[in-house]
PDB file of N, CA and C in Angstrom:
ATOM      1  N   MET A   1       0.820  -1.190   0.000  1.00  0.00           N
ATOM      2  CA  MET A   1       0.000   0.000   0.000  1.00  0.00           C
ATOM      3  C   MET A   1       0.866   1.257   0.000  1.00  0.00           C
ATOM      4  N   LYS A   2       1.907   1.267   0.862  1.00  0.00           N
ATOM      5  CA  LYS A   2       2.796   2.418   0.918  1.00  0.00           C
ATOM      6  C   LYS A   2       3.531   2.600  -0.409  1.00  0.00           C
ATOM      7  N   THR A   3       3.920   1.511  -1.028  1.00  0.00           N
ATOM      8  CA  THR A   3       4.629   1.597  -2.309  1.00  0.00           C
ATOM      9  C   THR A   3       3.722   2.176  -3.389  1.00  0.00           C
ATOM     10  N   THR A   4       2.480   1.750  -3.434  1.00  0.00           N
ATOM     11  CA  THR A   4       1.530   2.264  -4.419  1.00  0.00           C
ATOM     12  C   THR A   4       1.317   3.760  -4.210  1.00  0.00           C
ATOM     13  N   PHE A   5       1.165   4.179  -2.964  1.00  0.00           N
ATOM     14  CA  PHE A   5       0.981   5.596  -2.661  1.00  0.00           C
ATOM     15  C   PHE A   5       2.213   6.397  -3.079  1.00  0.00           C
ATOM     16  N   LEU A   6       3.403   5.867  -2.793  1.00  0.00           N
ATOM     17  CA  LEU A   6       4.642   6.553  -3.133  1.00  0.00           C
ATOM     18  C   LEU A   6       4.779   6.713  -4.649  1.00  0.00           C
ATOM     19  N   VAL A   7       4.497   5.672  -5.400  1.00  0.00           N
ATOM     20  CA  VAL A   7       4.580   5.739  -6.863  1.00  0.00           C
ATOM     21  C   VAL A   7       3.570   6.751  -7.396  1.00  0.00           C
ATOM     22  N   LEU A   8       2.354   6.725  -6.884  1.00  0.00           N
ATOM     23  CA  LEU A   8       1.326   7.668  -7.316  1.00  0.00           C
ATOM     24  C   LEU A   8       1.739   9.099  -6.975  1.00  0.00           C
ATOM     25  N   PHE A   9       2.293   9.306  -5.807  1.00  0.00           N
ATOM     26  CA  PHE A   9       2.753  10.626  -5.391  1.00  0.00           C
ATOM     27  C   PHE A   9       3.845  11.142  -6.327  1.00  0.00           C
ATOM     28  N   ILE A  10       4.790  10.297  -6.694  1.00  0.00           N
ATOM     29  CA  ILE A  10       5.879  10.689  -7.586  1.00  0.00           C
ATOM     30  C   ILE A  10       5.338  11.057  -8.965  1.00  0.00           C
ATOM     31  N   ILE A  11       4.418  10.282  -9.489  1.00  0.00           N
ATOM     32  CA  ILE A  11       3.835  10.563 -10.810  1.00  0.00           C
ATOM     33  C   ILE A  11       3.083  11.886 -10.794  1.00  0.00           C
ATOM     34  N   VAL A  12       2.262  12.112  -9.778  1.00  0.00           N
ATOM     35  CA  VAL A  12       1.507  13.361  -9.680  1.00  0.00           C
ATOM     36  C   VAL A  12       2.458  14.542  -9.505  1.00  0.00           C
ATOM     37  N   SER A  13       3.458  14.395  -8.670  1.00  0.00           N
ATOM     38  CA  SER A  13       4.425  15.472  -8.447  1.00  0.00           C
ATOM     39  C   SER A  13       5.164  15.815  -9.735  1.00  0.00           C
ATOM     40  N   PHE A  14       5.566  14.807 -10.481  1.00  0.00           N
ATOM     41  CA  PHE A  14       6.283  15.043 -11.729  1.00  0.00           C
ATOM     42  C   PHE A  14       5.400  15.768 -12.736  1.00  0.00           C
ATOM     43  N   SER A  15       4.141  15.367 -12.847  1.00  0.00           N
ATOM     44  CA  SER A  15       3.262  16.012 -13.824  1.00  0.00           C
ATOM     45  C   SER A  15       2.983  17.468 -13.440  1.00  0.00           C
ATOM     46  N   ILE A  16       2.865  17.757 -12.162  1.00  0.00           N
ATOM     47  CA  ILE A  16       2.675  19.143 -11.716  1.00  0.00           C
ATOM     48  C   ILE A  16       3.939  19.947 -11.998  1.00  0.00           C
ATOM     49  N   PHE A  17       5.103  19.368 -11.702  1.00  0.00           N
ATOM     50  CA  PHE A  17       6.368  20.053 -11.943  1.00  0.00           C
ATOM     51  C   PHE A  17       6.563  20.299 -13.439  1.00  0.00           C
ATOM     52  N   ALA A  18       6.274  19.323 -14.272  1.00  0.00           N
ATOM     53  CA  ALA A  18       6.468  19.454 -15.716  1.00  0.00           C
ATOM     54  C   ALA A  18       5.581  20.549 -16.293  1.00  0.00           C
ATOM     55  N   GLN A  19       4.402  20.753 -15.744  1.00  0.00           N
ATOM     56  CA  GLN A  19       3.515  21.781 -16.250  1.00  0.00           C
ATOM     57  C   GLN A  19       3.959  23.177 -15.823  1.00  0.00           C
ATOM     58  N   SER A  20       4.716  23.272 -14.744  1.00  0.00           N
ATOM     59  CA  SER A  20       5.101  24.581 -14.235  1.00  0.00           C
ATOM     60  C   SER A  20       6.448  25.071 -14.782  1.00  0.00           C
ATOM     61  N   VAL A  21       7.136  24.250 -15.564  1.00  0.00           N
ATOM     62  CA  VAL A  21       8.421  24.659 -16.114  1.00  0.00           C
ATOM     63  C   VAL A  21       8.174  25.583 -17.303  1.00  0.00           C
ATOM     64  N   PRO A  22       8.688  26.806 -17.245  1.00  0.00           N
ATOM     65  CA  PRO A  22       8.435  27.738 -18.356  1.00  0.00           C
ATOM     66  C   PRO A  22       9.263  27.378 -19.587  1.00  0.00           C
ATOM     67  N   ASN A  23       8.736  27.744 -20.753  1.00  0.00           N
ATOM     68  CA  ASN A  23       9.481  27.572 -21.998  1.00  0.00           C
ATOM     69  C   ASN A  23      10.400  28.772 -22.157  1.00  0.00           C
ATOM     70  N   LEU A  24      11.676  28.549 -21.935  1.00  0.00           N
ATOM     71  CA  LEU A  24      12.668  29.609 -22.071  1.00  0.00           C
ATOM     72  C   LEU A  24      13.667  29.223 -23.152  1.00  0.00           C
ATOM     73  N   VAL A  25      14.121  30.217 -23.896  1.00  0.00           N
ATOM     74  CA  VAL A  25      15.147  30.006 -24.906  1.00  0.00           C
ATOM     75  C   VAL A  25      16.394  30.745 -24.450  1.00  0.00           C
ATOM     76  N   ASP A  26      17.463  30.000 -24.236  1.00  0.00           N
ATOM     77  CA  ASP A  26      18.740  30.567 -23.829  1.00  0.00           C
ATOM     78  C   ASP A  26      19.360  31.231 -25.059  1.00  0.00           C
ATOM     79  N   TYR A  27      19.570  32.549 -25.004  1.00  0.00           N
ATOM     80  CA  TYR A  27      20.032  33.288 -26.177  1.00  0.00           C
ATOM     81  C   TYR A  27      21.177  34.214 -25.798  1.00  0.00           C
ATOM     82  N   GLN A  28      22.205  34.204 -26.623  1.00  0.00           N
ATOM     83  CA  GLN A  28      23.302  35.142 -26.425  1.00  0.00           C
ATOM     84  C   GLN A  28      23.640  35.792 -27.756  1.00  0.00           C
ATOM     85  N   GLY A  29      24.113  37.019 -27.681  1.00  0.00           N
ATOM     86  CA  GLY A  29      24.411  37.734 -28.909  1.00  0.00           C
ATOM     87  C   GLY A  29      25.409  38.833 -28.675  1.00  0.00           C
ATOM     88  N   SER A  30      25.667  39.569 -29.741  1.00  0.00           N
ATOM     89  CA  SER A  30      26.575  40.701 -29.634  1.00  0.00           C
ATOM     90  C   SER A  30      25.861  41.951 -30.127  1.00  0.00           C
ATOM     91  N   LEU A  31      26.237  43.072 -29.572  1.00  0.00           N
ATOM     92  CA  LEU A  31      25.573  44.332 -29.864  1.00  0.00           C
ATOM     93  C   LEU A  31      26.620  45.428 -30.035  1.00  0.00           C
ATOM     94  N   THR A  32      26.541  46.091 -31.191  1.00  0.00           N
ATOM     95  CA  THR A  32      27.420  47.230 -31.438  1.00  0.00           C
ATOM     96  C   THR A  32      26.568  48.449 -31.741  1.00  0.00           C
ATOM     97  N   GLY A  33      27.163  49.598 -31.568  1.00  0.00           N
ATOM     98  CA  GLY A  33      26.495  50.841 -31.917  1.00  0.00           C
ATOM     99  C   GLY A  33      26.600  51.092 -33.421  1.00  0.00           C
ATOM    100  N   LEU A  34      26.030  52.190 -33.889  1.00  0.00           N
ATOM    101  CA  LEU A  34      26.092  52.541 -35.305  1.00  0.00           C
ATOM    102  C   LEU A  34      27.527  52.749 -35.770  1.00  0.00           C
ATOM    103  N   ASP A  35      28.409  53.064 -34.813  1.00  0.00           N
ATOM    104  CA  ASP A  35      29.817  53.267 -35.129  1.00  0.00           C
ATOM    105  C   ASP A  35      30.616  51.961 -35.101  1.00  0.00           C
ATOM    106  N   ALA A  36      29.925  50.818 -34.957  1.00  0.00           N
ATOM    107  CA  ALA A  36      30.526  49.470 -34.920  1.00  0.00           C
ATOM    108  C   ALA A  36      31.367  49.225 -33.666  1.00  0.00           C
ATOM    109  N   ILE A  37      31.241  50.077 -32.673  1.00  0.00           N
ATOM    110  CA  ILE A  37      31.948  49.890 -31.401  1.00  0.00           C
ATOM    111  C   ILE A  37      31.044  49.075 -30.478  1.00  0.00           C
ATOM    112  N   PRO A  38      31.595  48.020 -29.835  1.00  0.00           N
ATOM    113  CA  PRO A  38      30.784  47.194 -28.934  1.00  0.00           C
ATOM    114  C   PRO A  38      30.157  48.031 -27.811  1.00  0.00           C
ATOM    115  N   VAL A  39      28.903  47.744 -27.517  1.00  0.00           N
ATOM    116  CA  VAL A  39      28.154  48.445 -26.468  1.00  0.00           C
ATOM    117  C   VAL A  39      28.586  47.934 -25.099  1.00  0.00           C
ATOM    118  N   ASN A  40      28.591  48.807 -24.114  1.00  0.00           N
ATOM    119  CA  ASN A  40      28.840  48.459 -22.720  1.00  0.00           C
ATOM    120  C   ASN A  40      27.758  49.088 -21.867  1.00  0.00           C
ATOM    121  N   GLY A  41      27.259  48.337 -20.893  1.00  0.00           N
ATOM    122  CA  GLY A  41      26.282  48.879 -19.966  1.00  0.00           C
ATOM    123  C   GLY A  41      24.888  48.343 -20.208  1.00  0.00           C
ATOM    124  N   PRO A  42      23.948  48.791 -19.380  1.00  0.00           N
ATOM    125  CA  PRO A  42      22.568  48.303 -19.484  1.00  0.00           C
ATOM    126  C   PRO A  42      21.830  48.951 -20.659  1.00  0.00           C
ATOM    127  N   VAL A  43      21.061  48.138 -21.390  1.00  0.00           N
ATOM    128  CA  VAL A  43      20.246  48.619 -22.509  1.00  0.00           C
ATOM    129  C   VAL A  43      18.895  47.914 -22.479  1.00  0.00           C
ATOM    130  N   SER A  44      17.967  48.434 -23.234  1.00  0.00           N
ATOM    131  CA  SER A  44      16.663  47.806 -23.429  1.00  0.00           C
ATOM    132  C   SER A  44      16.667  47.165 -24.818  1.00  0.00           C
ATOM    133  N   ILE A  45      16.306  45.884 -24.898  1.00  0.00           N
ATOM    134  CA  ILE A  45      16.288  45.174 -26.180  1.00  0.00           C
ATOM    135  C   ILE A  45      14.921  44.529 -26.368  1.00  0.00           C
ATOM    136  N   THR A  46      14.350  44.719 -27.562  1.00  0.00           N
ATOM    137  CA  THR A  46      13.099  44.058 -27.924  1.00  0.00           C
ATOM    138  C   THR A  46      13.415  42.890 -28.850  1.00  0.00           C
ATOM    139  N   PHE A  47      12.927  41.714 -28.487  1.00  0.00           N
ATOM    140  CA  PHE A  47      13.126  40.496 -29.263  1.00  0.00           C
ATOM    141  C   PHE A  47      11.787  40.120 -29.899  1.00  0.00           C
ATOM    142  N   THR A  48      11.811  39.680 -31.164  1.00  0.00           N
ATOM    143  CA  THR A  48      10.586  39.313 -31.869  1.00  0.00           C
ATOM    144  C   THR A  48      10.835  38.057 -32.697  1.00  0.00           C
ATOM    145  N   ILE A  49       9.847  37.166 -32.723  1.00  0.00           N
ATOM    146  CA  ILE A  49       9.866  35.976 -33.578  1.00  0.00           C
ATOM    147  C   ILE A  49       8.792  36.166 -34.634  1.00  0.00           C
ATOM    148  N   TYR A  50       9.190  36.012 -35.903  1.00  0.00           N
ATOM    149  CA  TYR A  50       8.275  36.176 -37.028  1.00  0.00           C
ATOM    150  C   TYR A  50       7.978  34.821 -37.670  1.00  0.00           C
ATOM    151  N   ASP A  51       6.885  34.765 -38.429  1.00  0.00           N
ATOM    152  CA  ASP A  51       6.521  33.506 -39.085  1.00  0.00           C
ATOM    153  C   ASP A  51       7.153  33.355 -40.470  1.00  0.00           C
ATOM    154  N   ASN A  52       7.927  34.360 -40.909  1.00  0.00           N
ATOM    155  CA  ASN A  52       8.595  34.248 -42.209  1.00  0.00           C
ATOM    156  C   ASN A  52       9.828  35.148 -42.230  1.00  0.00           C
ATOM    157  N   GLU A  53      10.614  35.016 -43.291  1.00  0.00           N
ATOM    158  CA  GLU A  53      11.875  35.757 -43.382  1.00  0.00           C
ATOM    159  C   GLU A  53      11.689  37.247 -43.612  1.00  0.00           C
ATOM    160  N   THR A  54      10.545  37.655 -44.148  1.00  0.00           N
ATOM    161  CA  THR A  54      10.329  39.068 -44.443  1.00  0.00           C
ATOM    162  C   THR A  54       9.913  39.865 -43.217  1.00  0.00           C
ATOM    163  N   GLY A  55       9.541  39.188 -42.139  1.00  0.00           N
ATOM    164  CA  GLY A  55       9.159  39.877 -40.915  1.00  0.00           C
ATOM    165  C   GLY A  55       7.815  40.560 -40.989  1.00  0.00           C
ATOM    166  N   SER A  56       6.913  40.009 -41.792  1.00  0.00           N
ATOM    167  CA  SER A  56       5.613  40.663 -41.967  1.00  0.00           C
ATOM    168  C   SER A  56       4.593  40.296 -40.893  1.00  0.00           C
ATOM    169  N   ASN A  57       4.798  39.192 -40.178  1.00  0.00           N
ATOM    170  CA  ASN A  57       3.815  38.773 -39.178  1.00  0.00           C
ATOM    171  C   ASN A  57       4.529  38.316 -37.900  1.00  0.00           C
ATOM    172  N   ALA A  58       4.483  39.149 -36.874  1.00  0.00           N
ATOM    173  CA  ALA A  58       5.124  38.813 -35.600  1.00  0.00           C
ATOM    174  C   ALA A  58       4.285  37.796 -34.841  1.00  0.00           C
ATOM    175  N   LEU A  59       4.920  36.704 -34.433  1.00  0.00           N
ATOM    176  CA  LEU A  59       4.236  35.670 -33.647  1.00  0.00           C
ATOM    177  C   LEU A  59       4.412  35.881 -32.152  1.00  0.00           C
ATOM    178  N   TRP A  60       5.527  36.498 -31.773  1.00  0.00           N
ATOM    179  CA  TRP A  60       5.845  36.672 -30.345  1.00  0.00           C
ATOM    180  C   TRP A  60       6.823  37.832 -30.218  1.00  0.00           C
ATOM    181  N   THR A  61       6.702  38.580 -29.148  1.00  0.00           N
ATOM    182  CA  THR A  61       7.652  39.665 -28.891  1.00  0.00           C
ATOM    183  C   THR A  61       7.751  39.936 -27.393  1.00  0.00           C
ATOM    184  N   GLU A  62       8.897  40.411 -26.968  1.00  0.00           N
ATOM    185  CA  GLU A  62       9.067  40.859 -25.587  1.00  0.00           C
ATOM    186  C   GLU A  62      10.218  41.848 -25.529  1.00  0.00           C
ATOM    187  N   THR A  63      10.139  42.743 -24.568  1.00  0.00           N
ATOM    188  CA  THR A  63      11.213  43.699 -24.321  1.00  0.00           C
ATOM    189  C   THR A  63      11.824  43.387 -22.963  1.00  0.00           C
ATOM    190  N   GLN A  64      13.132  43.248 -22.951  1.00  0.00           N
ATOM    191  CA  GLN A  64      13.842  43.022 -21.688  1.00  0.00           C
ATOM    192  C   GLN A  64      14.641  44.279 -21.359  1.00  0.00           C
ATOM    193  N   ASN A  65      14.483  44.713 -20.109  1.00  0.00           N
ATOM    194  CA  ASN A  65      15.142  45.927 -19.660  1.00  0.00           C
ATOM    195  C   ASN A  65      15.387  45.832 -18.161  1.00  0.00           C
ATOM    196  N   PRO A  66      16.590  45.887 -17.701  1.00  0.00           N
ATOM    197  CA  PRO A  66      17.798  46.092 -18.479  1.00  0.00           C
ATOM    198  C   PRO A  66      18.408  44.768 -18.938  1.00  0.00           C
ATOM    199  N   VAL A  67      19.119  44.839 -20.045  1.00  0.00           N
ATOM    200  CA  VAL A  67      19.993  43.755 -20.498  1.00  0.00           C
ATOM    201  C   VAL A  67      21.400  44.294 -20.318  1.00  0.00           C
ATOM    202  N   TYR A  68      22.213  43.590 -19.574  1.00  0.00           N
ATOM    203  CA  TYR A  68      23.570  44.056 -19.299  1.00  0.00           C
ATOM    204  C   TYR A  68      24.507  43.558 -20.398  1.00  0.00           C
ATOM    205  N   VAL A  69      25.180  44.505 -21.047  1.00  0.00           N
ATOM    206  CA  VAL A  69      26.066  44.216 -22.169  1.00  0.00           C
ATOM    207  C   VAL A  69      27.491  44.543 -21.750  1.00  0.00           C
ATOM    208  N   SER A  70      28.393  43.614 -21.996  1.00  0.00           N
ATOM    209  CA  SER A  70      29.804  43.811 -21.651  1.00  0.00           C
ATOM    210  C   SER A  70      30.655  43.530 -22.885  1.00  0.00           C
ATOM    211  N   ASN A  71      31.372  44.541 -23.339  1.00  0.00           N
ATOM    212  CA  ASN A  71      32.178  44.431 -24.561  1.00  0.00           C
ATOM    213  C   ASN A  71      31.343  43.929 -25.734  1.00  0.00           C
ATOM    214  N   GLY A  72      30.091  44.333 -25.786  1.00  0.00           N
ATOM    215  CA  GLY A  72      29.198  43.970 -26.875  1.00  0.00           C
ATOM    216  C   GLY A  72      28.461  42.655 -26.688  1.00  0.00           C
ATOM    217  N   LEU A  73      28.804  41.867 -25.666  1.00  0.00           N
ATOM    218  CA  LEU A  73      28.195  40.550 -25.472  1.00  0.00           C
ATOM    219  C   LEU A  73      27.085  40.594 -24.430  1.00  0.00           C
ATOM    220  N   PHE A  74      25.988  39.884 -24.719  1.00  0.00           N
ATOM    221  CA  PHE A  74      24.888  39.801 -23.759  1.00  0.00           C
ATOM    222  C   PHE A  74      24.298  38.398 -23.755  1.00  0.00           C
ATOM    223  N   HIS A  75      23.578  38.091 -22.697  1.00  0.00           N
ATOM    224  CA  HIS A  75      22.949  36.786 -22.519  1.00  0.00           C
ATOM    225  C   HIS A  75      21.591  37.001 -21.876  1.00  0.00           C
ATOM    226  N   VAL A  76      20.539  36.413 -22.457  1.00  0.00           N
ATOM    227  CA  VAL A  76      19.185  36.531 -21.914  1.00  0.00           C
ATOM    228  C   VAL A  76      18.465  35.188 -22.032  1.00  0.00           C
ATOM    229  N   PHE A  77      17.352  35.088 -21.329  1.00  0.00           N
ATOM    230  CA  PHE A  77      16.433  33.962 -21.483  1.00  0.00           C
ATOM    231  C   PHE A  77      15.161  34.514 -22.101  1.00  0.00           C
ATOM    232  N   LEU A  78      14.952  34.214 -23.388  1.00  0.00           N
ATOM    233  CA  LEU A  78      13.737  34.658 -24.057  1.00  0.00           C
ATOM    234  C   LEU A  78      12.557  33.897 -23.469  1.00  0.00           C
ATOM    235  N   GLY A  79      11.476  34.593 -23.230  1.00  0.00           N
ATOM    236  CA  GLY A  79      10.306  33.999 -22.588  1.00  0.00           C
ATOM    237  C   GLY A  79      10.233  34.346 -21.116  1.00  0.00           C
ATOM    238  N   ALA A  80      11.229  35.030 -20.594  1.00  0.00           N
ATOM    239  CA  ALA A  80      11.246  35.408 -19.185  1.00  0.00           C
ATOM    240  C   ALA A  80      10.238  36.512 -18.887  1.00  0.00           C
ATOM    241  N   VAL A  81       9.922  37.346 -19.880  1.00  0.00           N
ATOM    242  CA  VAL A  81       8.979  38.448 -19.698  1.00  0.00           C
ATOM    243  C   VAL A  81       7.610  38.087 -20.259  1.00  0.00           C
ATOM    244  N   ASN A  82       7.591  37.576 -21.476  1.00  0.00           N
ATOM    245  CA  ASN A  82       6.367  37.192 -22.167  1.00  0.00           C
ATOM    246  C   ASN A  82       6.487  35.711 -22.525  1.00  0.00           C
ATOM    247  N   ALA A  83       5.673  34.875 -21.932  1.00  0.00           N
ATOM    248  CA  ALA A  83       5.797  33.424 -22.086  1.00  0.00           C
ATOM    249  C   ALA A  83       5.778  32.990 -23.546  1.00  0.00           C
ATOM    250  N   ILE A  84       6.633  32.030 -23.855  1.00  0.00           N
ATOM    251  CA  ILE A  84       6.656  31.404 -25.172  1.00  0.00           C
ATOM    252  C   ILE A  84       5.830  30.126 -25.058  1.00  0.00           C
ATOM    253  N   THR A  85       4.807  29.994 -25.887  1.00  0.00           N
ATOM    254  CA  THR A  85       3.921  28.835 -25.813  1.00  0.00           C
ATOM    255  C   THR A  85       4.586  27.592 -26.402  1.00  0.00           C
ATOM    256  N   ASP A  86       4.019  26.430 -26.097  1.00  0.00           N
ATOM    257  CA  ASP A  86       4.524  25.180 -26.662  1.00  0.00           C
ATOM    258  C   ASP A  86       4.467  25.226 -28.184  1.00  0.00           C
ATOM    259  N   THR A  87       3.421  25.840 -28.727  1.00  0.00           N
ATOM    260  CA  THR A  87       3.284  25.954 -30.185  1.00  0.00           C
ATOM    261  C   THR A  87       4.450  26.737 -30.764  1.00  0.00           C
ATOM    262  N   MET A  88       4.834  27.821 -30.094  1.00  0.00           N
ATOM    263  CA  MET A  88       5.953  28.640 -30.564  1.00  0.00           C
ATOM    264  C   MET A  88       7.266  27.880 -30.511  1.00  0.00           C
ATOM    265  N   MET A  89       7.427  27.015 -29.531  1.00  0.00           N
ATOM    266  CA  MET A  89       8.671  26.268 -29.389  1.00  0.00           C
ATOM    267  C   MET A  89       8.874  25.325 -30.568  1.00  0.00           C
ATOM    268  N   ASN A  90       7.801  24.982 -31.286  1.00  0.00           N
ATOM    269  CA  ASN A  90       7.884  24.048 -32.409  1.00  0.00           C
ATOM    270  C   ASN A  90       7.843  24.718 -33.770  1.00  0.00           C
ATOM    271  N   VAL A  91       7.839  26.051 -33.821  1.00  0.00           N
ATOM    272  CA  VAL A  91       7.794  26.767 -35.097  1.00  0.00           C
ATOM    273  C   VAL A  91       9.044  26.423 -35.906  1.00  0.00           C
ATOM    274  N   GLY A  92       8.844  26.084 -37.155  1.00  0.00           N
ATOM    275  CA  GLY A  92       9.939  25.770 -38.050  1.00  0.00           C
ATOM    276  C   GLY A  92      10.459  24.348 -37.929  1.00  0.00           C
ATOM    277  N   LEU A  93       9.850  23.538 -37.062  1.00  0.00           N
ATOM    278  CA  LEU A  93      10.302  22.166 -36.899  1.00  0.00           C
ATOM    279  C   LEU A  93       9.531  21.178 -37.768  1.00  0.00           C
ATOM    280  N   GLU A  94       8.509  21.663 -38.475  1.00  0.00           N
ATOM    281  CA  GLU A  94       7.726  20.753 -39.321  1.00  0.00           C
ATOM    282  C   GLU A  94       8.526  20.301 -40.507  1.00  0.00           C
TER     283      GLU A  94
END
């Protein structure tokens, strides 16, 4: 009886945990100014995912502020501000 309860508890706990994990995309990039000099310091960056190469239809967007840039390099987790849905995570995988 205790074993059955323990197994059931683990399954329920895992399914609750799996549903609460956010869809985040680990993203890093480089940023330079118009003068091609690497940016340093905090900036505001808007990230957008489009459904095609021309950028005519935005599927998702978020602005992160501040993003800390050091020698032009930055690192963010996309989806931290505006959730990325499971459907979005599969875009382009068909």
